[in-house]
Every structure is written in structure tokens, then in C-alpha cells.
Amino acid sequence: MSIEEIRKKKLQEISNNDIAQLEEQQAGMQQMNQQIALIESVAKQFMSKEAISRYGAVKMAHSETAIKAIAFVAQAAQLGHIKEKLKDEDFKIILQEVKEGKTKFTFKK
């Protein structure tokens, strides 16, 4: 085997590994996007139109913060802590708390 053949074989192996890794990453991203969509659909049922609008705006600028906040809303809703739709002001408070790194919230009636 010549050096050129070995080089081509090695490049092919590296290329195949890279393609497999990319496909794996894409599958992971697709699964994560599906989970986020599910969380959003649950949470949005408990949010006012204004709060949903704010979520969309924040998601565009600060996606990680927005996703943490919406996940919190979905979890609180599933646990029965949210009795009525969250107003924009309520969602603002949740966003601020998430931004500050707080992990426990209380809902006022």
C-alpha cells in the first residue's frame, strides 16, 4: 500500500466518522426541539396572549432564559400551582427570577 492510498483511506474514515457525528447531533437537536415544543404547548395554555407574546420576543433574544421560564410555567401548571392564566406582569417576574438564577417561586392568589 502506498502512502497516498493510506492517506485516502484515513481521510475516508475520518469523513465517515464526521458524518455519523453530525447525524447524531442533528437527531439530538430534533429531539430537543420536539421536547421544547411540547413544553411550550403545555405552558401556553396557562398564559395570557400578552405573556405568550413576551415569551416569543424573549425567546428570540435570550432563548435559554425564555426556555427555562416556559419550562417552569409548564411544570407549575402540571403540578396544579397555576389556577388562572399568567398575565404578562407575572411572566415578567418569572423571567426576572430565572435570569437571577432563582429556583423556587411562589404564586400569589
C-alpha atoms as a PDB file:
ATOM      1  CA  MET A   1       0.000   0.000   0.000  1.00  0.00           C
ATOM      2  CA  SER A   2       1.375   3.361  -0.939  1.00  0.00           C
ATOM      3  CA  ILE A   3       1.375   6.395   1.309  1.00  0.00           C
ATOM      4  CA  GLU A   4      -1.217   8.039  -0.923  1.00  0.00           C
ATOM      5  CA  GLU A   5      -3.596   5.065  -0.584  1.00  0.00           C
ATOM      6  CA  ILE A   6      -3.177   5.059   3.189  1.00  0.00           C
ATOM      7  CA  ARG A   7      -3.840   8.795   3.273  1.00  0.00           C
ATOM      8  CA  LYS A   8      -7.010   8.438   1.184  1.00  0.00           C
ATOM      9  CA  LYS A   9      -8.229   5.560   3.354  1.00  0.00           C
ATOM     10  CA  LYS A  10      -7.603   7.542   6.544  1.00  0.00           C
ATOM     11  CA  LEU A  11      -9.385  10.622   5.128  1.00  0.00           C
ATOM     12  CA  GLN A  12     -12.354   8.447   4.186  1.00  0.00           C
ATOM     13  CA  GLU A  13     -12.533   7.017   7.731  1.00  0.00           C
ATOM     14  CA  ILE A  14     -12.376  10.491   9.247  1.00  0.00           C
ATOM     15  CA  SER A  15     -15.049  11.713   6.851  1.00  0.00           C
ATOM     16  CA  ASN A  16     -17.349   8.807   7.723  1.00  0.00           C
ATOM     17  CA  ASN A  17     -16.894   9.470  11.460  1.00  0.00           C
ATOM     18  CA  ASP A  18     -17.668  13.173  10.995  1.00  0.00           C
ATOM     19  CA  ILE A  19     -20.836  12.387   9.051  1.00  0.00           C
ATOM     20  CA  ALA A  20     -22.003   9.966  11.748  1.00  0.00           C
ATOM     21  CA  GLN A  21     -21.361  12.563  14.460  1.00  0.00           C
ATOM     22  CA  LEU A  22     -23.269  15.231  12.519  1.00  0.00           C
ATOM     23  CA  GLU A  23     -26.239  12.923  12.027  1.00  0.00           C
ATOM     24  CA  GLU A  24     -26.218  12.119  15.741  1.00  0.00           C
ATOM     25  CA  GLN A  25     -26.135  15.819  16.641  1.00  0.00           C
ATOM     26  CA  GLN A  26     -28.990  16.572  14.258  1.00  0.00           C
ATOM     27  CA  ALA A  27     -31.100  13.804  15.760  1.00  0.00           C
ATOM     28  CA  GLY A  28     -30.398  15.167  19.238  1.00  0.00           C
ATOM     29  CA  MET A  29     -31.314  18.697  18.197  1.00  0.00           C
ATOM     30  CA  GLN A  30     -34.523  17.484  16.580  1.00  0.00           C
ATOM     31  CA  GLN A  31     -35.485  15.600  19.739  1.00  0.00           C
ATOM     32  CA  MET A  32     -34.708  18.661  21.880  1.00  0.00           C
ATOM     33  CA  ASN A  33     -36.822  20.889  19.613  1.00  0.00           C
ATOM     34  CA  GLN A  34     -39.724  18.453  19.919  1.00  0.00           C
ATOM     35  CA  GLN A  35     -39.446  18.496  23.709  1.00  0.00           C
ATOM     36  CA  ILE A  36     -39.382  22.309  23.743  1.00  0.00           C
ATOM     37  CA  ALA A  37     -42.456  22.408  21.500  1.00  0.00           C
ATOM     38  CA  LEU A  38     -44.282  20.061  23.881  1.00  0.00           C
ATOM     39  CA  ILE A  39     -43.322  22.171  26.910  1.00  0.00           C
ATOM     40  CA  GLU A  40     -44.438  25.330  25.086  1.00  0.00           C
ATOM     41  CA  SER A  41     -47.812  23.846  24.183  1.00  0.00           C
ATOM     42  CA  VAL A  42     -48.473  22.915  27.822  1.00  0.00           C
ATOM     43  CA  ALA A  43     -47.307  26.246  29.239  1.00  0.00           C
ATOM     44  CA  LYS A  44     -49.094  28.450  26.704  1.00  0.00           C
ATOM     45  CA  GLN A  45     -52.443  27.063  27.839  1.00  0.00           C
ATOM     46  CA  PHE A  46     -51.815  28.824  31.157  1.00  0.00           C
ATOM     47  CA  MET A  47     -50.550  32.138  29.755  1.00  0.00           C
ATOM     48  CA  SER A  48     -52.321  35.264  28.526  1.00  0.00           C
ATOM     49  CA  LYS A  49     -51.805  36.460  24.960  1.00  0.00           C
ATOM     50  CA  GLU A  50     -49.518  39.207  26.218  1.00  0.00           C
ATOM     51  CA  ALA A  51     -47.390  36.759  28.199  1.00  0.00           C
ATOM     52  CA  ILE A  52     -47.127  34.480  25.164  1.00  0.00           C
ATOM     53  CA  SER A  53     -46.090  37.445  23.056  1.00  0.00           C
ATOM     54  CA  ARG A  54     -43.423  38.389  25.602  1.00  0.00           C
ATOM     55  CA  TYR A  55     -42.193  34.799  25.625  1.00  0.00           C
ATOM     56  CA  GLY A  56     -41.776  34.914  21.842  1.00  0.00           C
ATOM     57  CA  ALA A  57     -39.825  38.165  21.998  1.00  0.00           C
ATOM     58  CA  VAL A  58     -37.575  36.959  24.802  1.00  0.00           C
ATOM     59  CA  LYS A  59     -37.023  33.633  23.048  1.00  0.00           C
ATOM     60  CA  MET A  60     -35.646  35.484  20.036  1.00  0.00           C
ATOM     61  CA  ALA A  61     -33.163  37.483  22.112  1.00  0.00           C
ATOM     62  CA  HIS A  62     -32.418  35.202  25.079  1.00  0.00           C
ATOM     63  CA  SER A  63     -33.550  31.716  24.156  1.00  0.00           C
ATOM     64  CA  GLU A  64     -32.026  29.914  27.143  1.00  0.00           C
ATOM     65  CA  THR A  65     -33.711  32.213  29.672  1.00  0.00           C
ATOM     66  CA  ALA A  66     -37.033  32.006  27.834  1.00  0.00           C
ATOM     67  CA  ILE A  67     -36.930  28.221  27.677  1.00  0.00           C
ATOM     68  CA  LYS A  68     -36.105  27.941  31.387  1.00  0.00           C
ATOM     69  CA  ALA A  69     -39.028  30.248  32.198  1.00  0.00           C
ATOM     70  CA  ILE A  70     -41.512  28.412  29.982  1.00  0.00           C
ATOM     71  CA  ALA A  71     -40.358  25.066  31.415  1.00  0.00           C
ATOM     72  CA  PHE A  72     -41.028  26.423  34.887  1.00  0.00           C
ATOM     73  CA  VAL A  73     -44.507  27.553  33.853  1.00  0.00           C
ATOM     74  CA  ALA A  74     -45.266  24.142  32.332  1.00  0.00           C
ATOM     75  CA  GLN A  75     -44.055  22.327  35.440  1.00  0.00           C
ATOM     76  CA  ALA A  76     -46.020  24.605  37.778  1.00  0.00           C
ATOM     77  CA  ALA A  77     -49.122  24.113  35.633  1.00  0.00           C
ATOM     78  CA  GLN A  78     -48.780  20.339  35.688  1.00  0.00           C
ATOM     79  CA  LEU A  79     -48.381  20.389  39.468  1.00  0.00           C
ATOM     80  CA  GLY A  80     -51.544  22.481  39.793  1.00  0.00           C
ATOM     81  CA  HIS A  81     -49.825  25.600  41.145  1.00  0.00           C
ATOM     82  CA  ILE A  82     -51.306  27.850  38.466  1.00  0.00           C
ATOM     83  CA  LYS A  83     -55.005  28.446  38.946  1.00  0.00           C
ATOM     84  CA  GLU A  84     -55.580  31.121  36.291  1.00  0.00           C
ATOM     85  CA  LYS A  85     -53.779  32.338  33.206  1.00  0.00           C
ATOM     86  CA  LEU A  86     -50.491  34.080  33.887  1.00  0.00           C
ATOM     87  CA  LYS A  87     -50.576  37.740  32.987  1.00  0.00           C
ATOM     88  CA  ASP A  88     -47.697  39.492  31.283  1.00  0.00           C
ATOM     89  CA  GLU A  89     -46.626  41.026  34.606  1.00  0.00           C
ATOM     90  CA  ASP A  90     -46.458  37.568  36.189  1.00  0.00           C
ATOM     91  CA  PHE A  91     -44.367  36.239  33.339  1.00  0.00           C
ATOM     92  CA  LYS A  92     -42.042  39.243  33.612  1.00  0.00           C
ATOM     93  CA  ILE A  93     -41.438  38.344  37.253  1.00  0.00           C
ATOM     94  CA  ILE A  94     -40.733  34.719  36.341  1.00  0.00           C
ATOM     95  CA  LEU A  95     -38.283  35.827  33.656  1.00  0.00           C
ATOM     96  CA  GLN A  96     -36.506  38.101  36.102  1.00  0.00           C
ATOM     97  CA  GLU A  97     -36.274  35.358  38.712  1.00  0.00           C
ATOM     98  CA  VAL A  98     -34.937  32.864  36.169  1.00  0.00           C
ATOM     99  CA  LYS A  99     -32.413  35.432  34.983  1.00  0.00           C
ATOM    100  CA  GLU A 100     -31.219  35.873  38.574  1.00  0.00           C
ATOM    101  CA  GLY A 101     -30.853  32.116  38.957  1.00  0.00           C
ATOM    102  CA  LYS A 102     -33.619  31.526  41.478  1.00  0.00           C
ATOM    103  CA  THR A 103     -35.115  28.053  41.502  1.00  0.00           C
ATOM    104  CA  LYS A 104     -38.137  28.428  43.811  1.00  0.00           C
ATOM    105  CA  PHE A 105     -41.129  30.605  43.127  1.00  0.00           C
ATOM    106  CA  THR A 106     -44.405  31.266  44.872  1.00  0.00           C
ATOM    107  CA  PHE A 107     -47.633  32.128  43.150  1.00  0.00           C
ATOM    108  CA  LYS A 108     -49.847  34.709  44.767  1.00  0.00           C
ATOM    109  CA  LYS A 109     -53.557  34.083  44.530  1.00  0.00           C
END
